[in-house]
Amino acid sequence: MTTFVDRVELHVAAGNGGHGCASVHREKFKPLGGPDGGNGGRGGDVILVVDQDVTTLLEYHHSPHRKATNGKPGEGGHRAGADGKDLVLPVPDGTVILGKDGEVIADLVGQGTTYVAAQGGRGGLGNAALSSARRKAPGFALLGEPGRTDDVVLELKTVADVALVGYPSAGKSSLISVLSAAKPKIADYPFTTLVPNLGVVTAGAVTYTIADVPGLIPGASQGKGLGLEFLRHVERCSVLVHVLDTATLETERDPVSDLDIIESELAEYGGLEGRPRVVVLNKIDIPDGKDLADMVRPDLEARGYHVYEVSAVSREGLRELSFALAKLVDEARAAKPKEEATRIVIRPQAVDDAGFTVKQEGEVFRVRGEKPERWVRQTDFSNDEAVGYLADRLNRLGVEDQLKKAGARPGDAVAIGPGDDAVVFDWEPTMATGAEMLGRRGEDNRFDTPRPAAQRRKDREAEQADEEYNDFDPFGADGPV
């Protein structure tokens, strides 16, 4: 049974926002007490968070589909719906999030680091929030937005300071078992190590982590053996340690040729050229191994390598090796640039940016933009009053003016949104006044008294201010309208 998984495809779906409620307050002797429909709750987010207690992606290998809960709809009496509960998914330290095209979206390193993989949909406004001095009794509410869905790939890249690389059965697992408290599987046959093993080593004042990577063989960078599966685990390591077997029973192999082959595979994989290298000649407790180590050491040192002769059995040379690695790790840490405090970058909207685009695609004029697409998703098209409200919003945003400039004529097809998910309708220039065609939307004659022209103008300005307030989301992409 698989116990270690370092790459999975995860399908995430955030919760949908709850619908707003269209309700009118009623009580004895007061049948029309005004709108009192509450707002819908926000859908839950799907959040990935680094947890040091998690070391594998096995859980998501078995259950790759994850969904947060939906927001509850609003109710009468100004009762807002409950927000959906966020779904928090723990991942190992060093998890990289990739998009469908392989592009890196996020690199999660450090306990508690989070990434919102899918954002919950906004809750729809109730008719109480949509009311204004001019629109006193809206007979509609906004629908909740659907939550975002996405397919992402999670890749685990081990976070360690030192990586042990070499041929199978070179003694890497034995070495990490005596340098640290790690207890990897050790046996006298190749590919005993099937998963990376991590150990913690303390040498003087320096504490560092060391990783035992499954054995590499010729062709590992192209997928032969286990190399391609686990070469990613050496990417984050500051120091690479070549563990060379000086007592191999294979006559066609020797430490120098083994080193050349492993270096060739690392170069083929790429991205590891600047890492410090250390060569460990292992198994010198065997007489033939000691003789071979003494023979090849001058050649390796002539190439510029720091060479250490050790034995995981007799523990000879381990202290010297441990402190040498600690020094290299300490130097690598000091050379890294210090992390700056998180900065908030404010990108104000350009003065000539309308927030949407209108482009002709064949016989269809397509409108794209965060606001118009969101407004369409929030509209209940079975309610004529809600459709008129959408028309007014689009007109105030300037969509109709841009359609005219783009050459749209009455009866032309207009699509709002991407691809097949767009809402398509036959455009009529009078659509902007659709509300007036339905009557003065949201008003009831039983609420009205004659108003002078100046008062009607002030009411229209107040209604537009309400629109801007309702569109504002301090946590969304719009920012202040």
Protein backbone atom coordinates (compact mmCIF):
# COMPACT_ATOMS: atom_id res chain seq x y z
CA MET A 1 0.00 0.00 0.00
CA THR A 2 1.26 3.48 -0.88
CA THR A 3 2.40 5.36 2.26
CA PHE A 4 4.20 8.31 0.69
CA VAL A 5 2.80 10.54 -2.05
CA ASP A 6 4.57 13.70 -3.16
CA ARG A 7 2.46 14.72 -6.17
CA VAL A 8 -1.33 14.86 -6.50
CA GLU A 9 -3.95 16.66 -8.55
CA LEU A 10 -6.48 18.37 -6.29
CA HIS A 11 -9.95 19.50 -7.36
CA VAL A 12 -11.18 22.30 -5.10
CA ALA A 13 -14.56 24.03 -5.02
CA ALA A 14 -15.42 26.95 -2.75
CA GLY A 15 -18.88 27.39 -1.29
CA ASN A 16 -21.61 29.29 -3.10
CA GLY A 17 -22.92 32.52 -1.66
CA GLY A 18 -26.41 32.45 -0.20
CA HIS A 19 -29.23 34.24 -2.05
CA GLY A 20 -30.59 37.50 -0.72
CA CYS A 21 -34.18 37.55 0.51
CA ALA A 22 -37.02 39.68 -0.93
CA SER A 23 -39.42 40.26 1.93
CA VAL A 24 -41.81 42.98 3.15
CA HIS A 25 -42.42 43.55 6.83
CA ARG A 26 -46.01 42.95 7.84
CA GLU A 27 -47.75 43.26 11.17
CA LYS A 28 -51.18 44.09 12.48
CA PHE A 29 -52.41 47.52 11.36
CA LYS A 30 -49.20 47.90 9.33
CA PRO A 31 -49.44 45.69 6.23
CA LEU A 32 -46.64 47.46 4.38
CA GLY A 33 -43.86 48.08 6.86
CA GLY A 34 -41.11 48.28 4.26
CA PRO A 35 -38.58 45.80 2.88
CA ASP A 36 -36.86 43.60 5.46
CA GLY A 37 -35.11 40.91 3.41
CA GLY A 38 -31.68 39.98 4.77
CA ASN A 39 -28.45 39.37 2.85
CA GLY A 40 -27.17 35.91 1.97
CA GLY A 41 -24.08 34.51 3.68
CA ARG A 42 -20.69 34.30 1.99
CA GLY A 43 -19.51 30.91 0.74
CA GLY A 44 -16.60 29.22 2.49
CA ASP A 45 -13.06 29.39 1.08
CA VAL A 46 -10.75 26.45 0.42
CA ILE A 47 -7.46 27.25 2.16
CA LEU A 48 -4.18 25.32 2.04
CA VAL A 49 -2.03 25.75 5.17
CA VAL A 50 1.40 24.35 6.01
CA ASP A 51 1.33 21.93 8.94
CA GLN A 52 4.64 20.56 10.26
CA ASP A 53 2.88 17.38 11.42
CA VAL A 54 1.94 16.49 7.83
CA THR A 55 4.69 14.85 5.78
CA THR A 56 2.89 13.43 2.77
CA LEU A 57 0.08 14.23 0.33
CA LEU A 58 -1.38 10.75 0.74
CA GLU A 59 -4.71 12.02 2.07
CA TYR A 60 -5.38 13.98 -1.12
CA HIS A 61 -4.29 11.05 -3.27
CA HIS A 62 -7.22 9.06 -1.90
CA SER A 63 -9.69 11.99 -1.73
CA PRO A 64 -8.80 14.54 -4.42
CA HIS A 65 -12.18 16.33 -4.50
CA ARG A 66 -12.67 18.92 -1.75
CA LYS A 67 -15.52 21.42 -1.33
CA ALA A 68 -16.28 24.11 1.23
CA THR A 69 -19.79 24.72 2.54
CA ASN A 70 -22.28 27.15 1.02
CA GLY A 71 -23.53 30.33 2.60
CA LYS A 72 -27.11 30.31 3.91
CA PRO A 73 -29.81 32.44 2.24
CA GLY A 74 -31.07 35.58 3.93
CA GLU A 75 -34.43 35.67 5.67
CA GLY A 76 -37.12 38.19 6.45
CA GLY A 77 -36.86 40.42 9.49
CA HIS A 78 -33.42 41.67 8.37
CA ARG A 79 -31.87 38.29 9.23
CA ALA A 80 -28.67 37.66 7.28
CA GLY A 81 -27.74 34.14 6.26
CA ALA A 82 -24.83 32.43 7.97
CA ASP A 83 -21.47 32.41 6.17
CA GLY A 84 -20.19 29.10 4.86
CA LYS A 85 -17.41 27.44 6.84
CA ASP A 86 -13.91 27.65 5.36
CA LEU A 87 -12.31 24.33 4.43
CA VAL A 88 -8.72 24.28 5.74
CA LEU A 89 -6.48 21.63 4.13
CA PRO A 90 -3.13 20.92 5.86
CA VAL A 91 -0.17 20.31 3.55
CA PRO A 92 3.49 19.49 4.24
CA ASP A 93 6.15 22.16 4.48
CA GLY A 94 7.63 22.70 1.03
CA THR A 95 4.46 22.11 -0.98
CA VAL A 96 4.42 23.81 -4.38
CA ILE A 97 1.07 24.64 -6.02
CA LEU A 98 1.00 24.42 -9.80
CA GLY A 99 -1.67 25.39 -12.31
CA LYS A 100 -2.95 23.19 -15.11
CA ASP A 101 -0.26 24.54 -17.42
CA GLY A 102 2.52 23.75 -14.94
CA GLU A 103 3.03 27.38 -13.88
CA VAL A 104 3.95 27.82 -10.22
CA ILE A 105 1.12 29.56 -8.37
CA ALA A 106 2.45 29.43 -4.82
CA ASP A 107 5.35 27.96 -2.87
CA LEU A 108 4.35 27.15 0.69
CA VAL A 109 7.35 27.12 3.02
CA GLY A 110 7.16 27.68 6.77
CA GLN A 111 4.70 26.64 9.46
CA GLY A 112 1.33 28.37 9.08
CA THR A 113 1.88 29.65 5.53
CA THR A 114 -1.50 29.79 3.79
CA TYR A 115 -2.90 30.06 0.30
CA VAL A 116 -6.55 30.48 -0.69
CA ALA A 117 -6.98 27.88 -3.43
CA ALA A 118 -10.63 28.76 -4.11
CA GLN A 119 -12.54 31.80 -2.91
CA GLY A 120 -16.13 31.54 -1.74
CA GLY A 121 -18.90 33.36 -3.59
CA ARG A 122 -20.39 36.58 -2.28
CA GLY A 123 -23.78 36.47 -0.67
CA GLY A 124 -26.59 38.23 -2.52
CA LEU A 125 -28.03 41.46 -1.14
CA GLY A 126 -31.55 41.35 0.25
CA ASN A 127 -34.18 43.85 -0.80
CA ALA A 128 -33.64 45.82 2.43
CA ALA A 129 -30.05 46.57 1.35
CA LEU A 130 -31.25 47.47 -2.16
CA SER A 131 -33.84 50.00 -1.00
CA SER A 132 -33.24 53.72 -1.29
CA ALA A 133 -35.15 56.99 -1.17
CA ARG A 134 -36.28 56.41 -4.75
CA ARG A 135 -36.54 52.62 -4.65
CA LYS A 136 -38.46 52.19 -1.43
CA ALA A 137 -39.82 48.67 -1.86
CA PRO A 138 -37.69 46.51 -4.19
CA GLY A 139 -39.56 43.40 -5.21
CA PHE A 140 -36.37 41.44 -5.82
CA ALA A 141 -33.05 40.48 -4.25
CA LEU A 142 -29.66 39.56 -5.65
CA LEU A 143 -28.58 35.96 -6.06
CA GLY A 144 -25.50 34.62 -4.32
CA GLU A 145 -22.42 34.15 -6.49
CA PRO A 146 -21.12 30.66 -7.17
CA GLY A 147 -17.86 29.79 -5.45
CA ARG A 148 -14.68 29.48 -7.48
CA THR A 149 -13.56 26.05 -8.66
CA ASP A 150 -10.08 25.04 -9.74
CA ASP A 151 -7.85 22.08 -10.46
CA VAL A 152 -4.36 22.44 -9.01
CA VAL A 153 -1.35 20.16 -8.74
CA LEU A 154 0.41 19.82 -5.40
CA GLU A 155 4.08 18.87 -5.45
CA LEU A 156 6.10 18.24 -2.33
CA LYS A 157 9.72 19.36 -2.38
CA THR A 158 11.50 18.36 0.80
CA VAL A 159 12.74 21.26 2.90
CA ALA A 160 16.24 20.21 4.05
CA ASP A 161 19.68 21.79 4.30
CA VAL A 162 21.72 18.80 3.11
CA ALA A 163 20.85 16.11 0.55
CA LEU A 164 22.60 12.74 0.35
CA VAL A 165 22.76 11.51 -3.25
CA GLY A 166 24.38 8.48 -4.80
CA TYR A 167 23.89 5.03 -6.23
CA PRO A 168 21.53 2.53 -4.56
CA SER A 169 23.20 0.68 -1.65
CA ALA A 170 25.95 3.31 -1.35
CA GLY A 171 25.16 3.60 2.36
CA LYS A 172 23.07 6.80 2.43
CA SER A 173 20.43 5.37 4.76
CA SER A 174 23.08 4.00 7.12
CA LEU A 175 24.79 7.39 7.13
CA ILE A 176 21.68 9.36 8.01
CA SER A 177 20.79 6.83 10.72
CA VAL A 178 24.07 7.48 12.58
CA LEU A 179 24.26 11.22 11.94
CA SER A 180 20.70 11.80 13.22
CA ALA A 181 17.89 10.05 15.04
CA ALA A 182 16.19 9.03 11.77
CA LYS A 183 15.39 5.35 11.42
CA PRO A 184 15.21 4.57 7.69
CA LYS A 185 14.89 1.08 6.31
CA ILE A 186 18.32 -0.48 5.79
CA ALA A 187 18.93 -3.71 3.85
CA ASP A 188 21.54 -5.29 1.57
CA TYR A 189 19.66 -4.88 -1.71
CA PRO A 190 19.21 -1.96 -4.11
CA PHE A 191 16.37 0.57 -3.83
CA THR A 192 15.75 -0.15 -0.17
CA THR A 193 14.87 3.53 0.24
CA LEU A 194 11.62 4.23 -1.57
CA VAL A 195 10.80 7.60 0.01
CA PRO A 196 12.94 10.54 1.18
CA ASN A 197 14.00 10.31 4.82
CA LEU A 198 14.66 13.39 6.95
CA GLY A 199 16.94 13.67 9.96
CA VAL A 200 17.98 16.51 12.25
CA VAL A 201 21.68 16.93 13.05
CA THR A 202 23.23 19.17 15.72
CA ALA A 203 26.90 20.09 15.35
CA GLY A 204 28.05 22.65 17.87
CA ALA A 205 25.76 25.67 17.68
CA VAL A 206 24.34 24.73 14.29
CA THR A 207 21.31 22.52 13.81
CA TYR A 208 20.45 21.42 10.30
CA THR A 209 18.28 18.89 8.48
CA ILE A 210 19.60 16.18 6.24
CA ALA A 211 17.66 14.25 3.58
CA ASP A 212 18.33 10.75 2.26
CA VAL A 213 17.11 10.66 -1.35
CA PRO A 214 16.33 7.30 -3.05
CA GLY A 215 19.23 5.98 -5.10
CA LEU A 216 20.05 7.41 -8.51
CA ILE A 217 21.15 5.42 -11.53
CA PRO A 218 22.07 6.34 -15.12
CA GLY A 219 19.00 7.80 -16.85
CA ALA A 220 17.38 8.97 -13.59
CA SER A 221 16.73 12.46 -14.98
CA GLN A 222 14.69 10.86 -17.80
CA GLY A 223 12.64 8.75 -15.42
CA LYS A 224 14.70 5.56 -15.11
CA GLY A 225 14.55 3.95 -11.70
CA LEU A 226 13.21 6.21 -8.94
CA GLY A 227 15.33 9.25 -9.74
CA LEU A 228 12.85 11.43 -11.59
CA GLU A 229 10.23 10.92 -8.88
CA PHE A 230 12.51 12.19 -6.13
CA LEU A 231 15.07 14.51 -7.72
CA ARG A 232 12.72 17.38 -6.89
CA HIS A 233 13.48 16.73 -3.22
CA VAL A 234 17.06 17.98 -3.60
CA GLU A 235 16.04 21.31 -5.19
CA ARG A 236 15.73 23.18 -1.89
CA CYS A 237 18.89 21.73 -0.30
CA SER A 238 21.81 24.08 0.25
CA VAL A 239 24.52 21.39 0.18
CA LEU A 240 24.77 18.21 -1.91
CA VAL A 241 26.70 15.25 -0.49
CA HIS A 242 27.88 12.55 -2.89
CA VAL A 243 27.96 9.26 -1.00
CA LEU A 244 30.34 6.95 -2.90
CA ASP A 245 30.62 3.24 -2.24
CA THR A 246 34.28 2.20 -1.92
CA ALA A 247 33.39 -1.47 -1.38
CA THR A 248 31.01 -2.15 -4.22
CA LEU A 249 30.87 -5.69 -5.54
CA GLU A 250 30.15 -4.54 -9.10
CA THR A 251 33.42 -4.75 -11.03
CA GLU A 252 32.44 -2.19 -13.66
CA ARG A 253 31.93 0.53 -11.04
CA ASP A 254 34.34 2.70 -9.06
CA PRO A 255 33.85 5.88 -6.94
CA VAL A 256 35.09 8.29 -9.62
CA SER A 257 32.84 6.93 -12.39
CA ASP A 258 29.90 6.84 -9.97
CA LEU A 259 30.47 10.53 -9.18
CA ASP A 260 30.66 11.43 -12.87
CA ILE A 261 27.41 9.62 -13.64
CA ILE A 262 25.49 11.18 -10.74
CA GLU A 263 26.80 14.64 -11.62
CA SER A 264 25.67 14.09 -15.20
CA GLU A 265 22.15 13.23 -14.00
CA LEU A 266 22.03 16.28 -11.73
CA ALA A 267 23.16 18.51 -14.60
CA GLU A 268 20.52 16.98 -16.87
CA TYR A 269 17.84 17.67 -14.27
CA GLY A 270 19.04 21.28 -13.99
CA GLY A 271 18.99 24.02 -11.38
CA LEU A 272 21.63 22.52 -9.06
CA GLU A 273 24.82 23.88 -10.60
CA GLY A 274 25.71 26.42 -7.91
CA ARG A 275 25.23 24.20 -4.85
CA PRO A 276 28.31 23.33 -2.76
CA ARG A 277 29.38 19.69 -3.17
CA VAL A 278 30.93 17.36 -0.63
CA VAL A 279 32.24 13.87 -1.43
CA VAL A 280 31.92 11.12 1.17
CA LEU A 281 33.90 7.92 0.61
CA ASN A 282 31.84 5.42 2.59
CA LYS A 283 32.54 1.90 3.95
CA ILE A 284 36.23 2.41 4.83
CA ASP A 285 35.75 -0.13 7.64
CA ILE A 286 36.24 -2.75 4.92
CA PRO A 287 39.98 -3.19 4.08
CA ASP A 288 39.47 -3.04 0.33
CA GLY A 289 37.24 0.00 0.80
CA LYS A 290 39.93 1.85 2.75
CA ASP A 291 42.54 1.08 0.11
CA LEU A 292 40.29 2.29 -2.72
CA ALA A 293 39.43 5.46 -0.80
CA ASP A 294 43.11 6.31 -0.32
CA MET A 295 43.65 5.69 -4.03
CA VAL A 296 40.89 7.95 -5.43
CA ARG A 297 41.01 10.72 -2.84
CA PRO A 298 43.84 12.71 -4.50
CA ASP A 299 42.02 12.65 -7.82
CA LEU A 300 38.80 13.92 -6.25
CA GLU A 301 40.58 16.67 -4.30
CA ALA A 302 42.32 17.73 -7.50
CA ARG A 303 38.84 18.39 -8.93
CA GLY A 304 38.15 20.80 -6.08
CA TYR A 305 35.93 18.58 -3.91
CA HIS A 306 36.04 18.41 -0.11
CA VAL A 307 36.53 14.70 0.52
CA TYR A 308 35.77 12.82 3.75
CA GLU A 309 36.42 9.15 4.45
CA VAL A 310 33.79 7.68 6.77
CA SER A 311 32.26 4.47 7.99
CA ALA A 312 28.65 4.27 9.10
CA VAL A 313 29.48 0.99 10.88
CA SER A 314 32.55 2.03 12.90
CA ARG A 315 31.48 5.72 12.87
CA GLU A 316 34.96 6.75 11.81
CA GLY A 317 35.14 10.26 10.35
CA LEU A 318 31.50 11.13 11.14
CA ARG A 319 32.23 13.94 13.60
CA GLU A 320 34.51 15.71 11.17
CA LEU A 321 31.90 15.32 8.41
CA SER A 322 29.08 16.58 10.63
CA PHE A 323 30.93 19.79 11.57
CA ALA A 324 32.03 20.38 7.98
CA LEU A 325 28.44 20.18 6.78
CA ALA A 326 27.34 22.49 9.59
CA LYS A 327 29.86 25.10 8.45
CA LEU A 328 28.64 24.92 4.83
CA VAL A 329 25.00 25.16 5.92
CA ASP A 330 25.77 28.15 8.15
CA GLU A 331 27.52 29.91 5.27
CA ALA A 332 24.61 29.17 2.92
CA ARG A 333 22.12 30.58 5.42
CA ALA A 334 24.19 33.73 5.89
CA ALA A 335 24.39 34.23 2.12
CA LYS A 336 20.63 34.15 1.70
CA PRO A 337 18.98 37.59 1.56
CA LYS A 338 16.94 38.42 4.61
CA GLU A 339 13.21 38.19 4.08
CA GLU A 340 11.55 41.57 3.98
CA ALA A 341 8.38 42.33 5.84
CA THR A 342 5.21 41.79 3.88
CA ARG A 343 4.33 44.87 1.90
CA ILE A 344 0.89 45.83 0.69
CA VAL A 345 0.97 47.11 -2.87
CA ILE A 346 -1.85 49.47 -3.81
CA ARG A 347 -2.61 49.64 -7.51
CA PRO A 348 -5.10 52.45 -8.17
CA GLN A 349 -7.39 52.08 -11.14
CA ALA A 350 -6.34 54.11 -14.17
CA VAL A 351 -8.50 57.18 -14.80
CA ASP A 352 -9.35 55.93 -18.30
CA ASP A 353 -10.05 52.34 -17.22
CA ALA A 354 -13.78 51.65 -17.51
CA GLY A 355 -13.47 48.29 -15.75
CA PHE A 356 -14.79 46.35 -18.74
CA THR A 357 -14.14 45.79 -22.43
CA VAL A 358 -16.40 45.46 -25.46
CA LYS A 359 -15.10 43.50 -28.45
CA GLN A 360 -16.82 42.29 -31.58
CA GLU A 361 -16.42 38.54 -32.17
CA GLY A 362 -18.06 37.74 -35.49
CA GLU A 363 -21.70 38.69 -35.16
CA VAL A 364 -21.57 38.90 -31.36
CA PHE A 365 -20.42 41.83 -29.22
CA ARG A 366 -18.82 40.40 -26.11
CA VAL A 367 -18.65 42.36 -22.84
CA ARG A 368 -15.94 41.26 -20.38
CA GLY A 369 -15.25 42.73 -16.99
CA GLU A 370 -15.37 41.76 -13.32
CA LYS A 371 -18.34 43.99 -12.48
CA PRO A 372 -20.73 43.26 -15.36
CA GLU A 373 -20.02 39.53 -15.15
CA ARG A 374 -20.65 39.54 -11.41
CA TRP A 375 -23.86 41.52 -11.81
CA VAL A 376 -25.12 39.01 -14.36
CA ARG A 377 -24.42 36.12 -11.99
CA GLN A 378 -26.37 37.94 -9.26
CA THR A 379 -29.45 38.56 -11.39
CA ASP A 380 -32.63 36.50 -11.16
CA PHE A 381 -33.75 36.58 -14.80
CA SER A 382 -37.19 35.25 -13.89
CA ASN A 383 -37.89 38.58 -12.16
CA ASP A 384 -38.55 41.48 -14.56
CA GLU A 385 -37.73 44.02 -11.89
CA ALA A 386 -34.33 42.41 -11.28
CA VAL A 387 -33.62 42.47 -15.02
CA GLY A 388 -34.46 46.17 -15.13
CA TYR A 389 -32.13 46.77 -12.19
CA LEU A 390 -29.34 44.99 -14.10
CA ALA A 391 -30.03 47.16 -17.14
CA ASP A 392 -29.74 50.32 -15.05
CA ARG A 393 -26.46 49.18 -13.52
CA LEU A 394 -24.95 48.36 -16.91
CA ASN A 395 -26.08 51.69 -18.30
CA ARG A 396 -24.54 53.63 -15.40
CA LEU A 397 -21.29 51.70 -15.89
CA GLY A 398 -21.20 52.88 -19.52
CA VAL A 399 -21.73 49.54 -21.26
CA GLU A 400 -24.36 50.91 -23.63
CA ASP A 401 -22.17 53.83 -24.70
CA GLN A 402 -19.29 51.45 -25.44
CA LEU A 403 -21.57 49.17 -27.45
CA LYS A 404 -22.57 52.14 -29.59
CA LYS A 405 -18.92 53.10 -30.11
CA ALA A 406 -18.10 49.51 -31.07
CA GLY A 407 -20.74 49.65 -33.81
CA ALA A 408 -23.52 47.65 -32.22
CA ARG A 409 -26.95 48.15 -33.78
CA PRO A 410 -30.41 47.41 -32.41
CA GLY A 411 -31.05 43.67 -32.54
CA ASP A 412 -27.37 42.67 -32.49
CA ALA A 413 -26.40 39.83 -30.17
CA VAL A 414 -24.54 40.90 -27.03
CA ALA A 415 -22.85 38.40 -24.72
CA ILE A 416 -21.74 39.21 -21.18
CA GLY A 417 -19.17 36.75 -19.86
CA PRO A 418 -16.72 34.20 -21.24
CA GLY A 419 -17.38 31.42 -23.73
CA ASP A 420 -20.47 29.27 -23.36
CA ASP A 421 -21.12 30.58 -19.84
CA ALA A 422 -22.05 34.02 -21.18
CA VAL A 423 -25.53 35.50 -21.00
CA VAL A 424 -26.64 36.39 -24.54
CA PHE A 425 -29.44 38.80 -25.46
CA ASP A 426 -30.55 40.92 -28.40
CA TRP A 427 -29.45 44.46 -27.68
CA GLU A 428 -31.89 47.33 -27.85
CA PRO A 429 -30.70 50.88 -27.08
CA THR A 430 -33.79 51.43 -24.97
CA MET A 431 -32.80 48.56 -22.70
CA ALA A 432 -31.19 51.04 -20.33
CA THR A 433 -34.64 52.42 -19.58
CA GLY A 434 -36.12 49.01 -19.07
CA ALA A 435 -36.95 49.94 -15.49
CA GLU A 436 -39.12 52.82 -16.60
CA MET A 437 -40.88 50.50 -19.07
CA LEU A 438 -41.81 48.31 -16.12
CA GLY A 439 -42.93 51.31 -14.11
CA ARG A 440 -40.81 53.04 -11.51
CA ARG A 441 -39.05 49.95 -10.28
CA GLY A 442 -39.21 49.21 -6.59
CA GLU A 443 -41.72 51.90 -5.80
CA ASP A 444 -45.23 51.48 -4.53
CA ASN A 445 -47.85 54.20 -4.97
CA ARG A 446 -48.98 53.61 -1.43
CA PHE A 447 -45.59 54.89 -0.24
CA ASP A 448 -45.51 57.91 -2.53
CA THR A 449 -46.41 61.57 -2.16
CA PRO A 450 -45.94 64.18 -4.91
CA ARG A 451 -42.32 65.39 -5.00
CA PRO A 452 -40.88 68.53 -6.57
CA ALA A 453 -38.28 68.21 -9.35
CA ALA A 454 -35.41 69.19 -7.04
CA GLN A 455 -36.35 66.48 -4.58
CA ARG A 456 -36.61 63.88 -7.36
CA ARG A 457 -33.08 64.86 -8.50
CA LYS A 458 -31.72 64.47 -4.97
CA ASP A 459 -33.40 61.07 -4.71
CA ARG A 460 -31.73 59.92 -7.94
CA GLU A 461 -28.34 61.05 -6.62
CA ALA A 462 -28.98 59.25 -3.34
CA GLU A 463 -29.90 56.08 -5.24
CA GLN A 464 -26.68 56.19 -7.23
CA ALA A 465 -24.71 56.64 -4.00
CA ASP A 466 -26.50 53.58 -2.61
CA GLU A 467 -25.49 51.63 -5.72
CA GLU A 468 -21.84 52.51 -5.19
CA TYR A 469 -22.07 51.56 -1.52
CA ASN A 470 -23.66 48.20 -2.31
CA ASP A 471 -20.97 47.41 -4.87
CA PHE A 472 -18.13 48.15 -2.46
CA ASP A 473 -16.31 45.11 -1.09
CA PRO A 474 -13.27 45.91 1.11
CA PHE A 475 -11.98 42.34 0.68
CA GLY A 476 -12.74 41.98 -3.03
CA ALA A 477 -10.98 42.91 -6.23
CA ASP A 478 -12.98 46.11 -6.78
CA GLY A 479 -11.69 48.17 -3.88
CA PRO A 480 -13.40 51.52 -3.39
CA VAL A 481 -15.73 52.25 -6.29
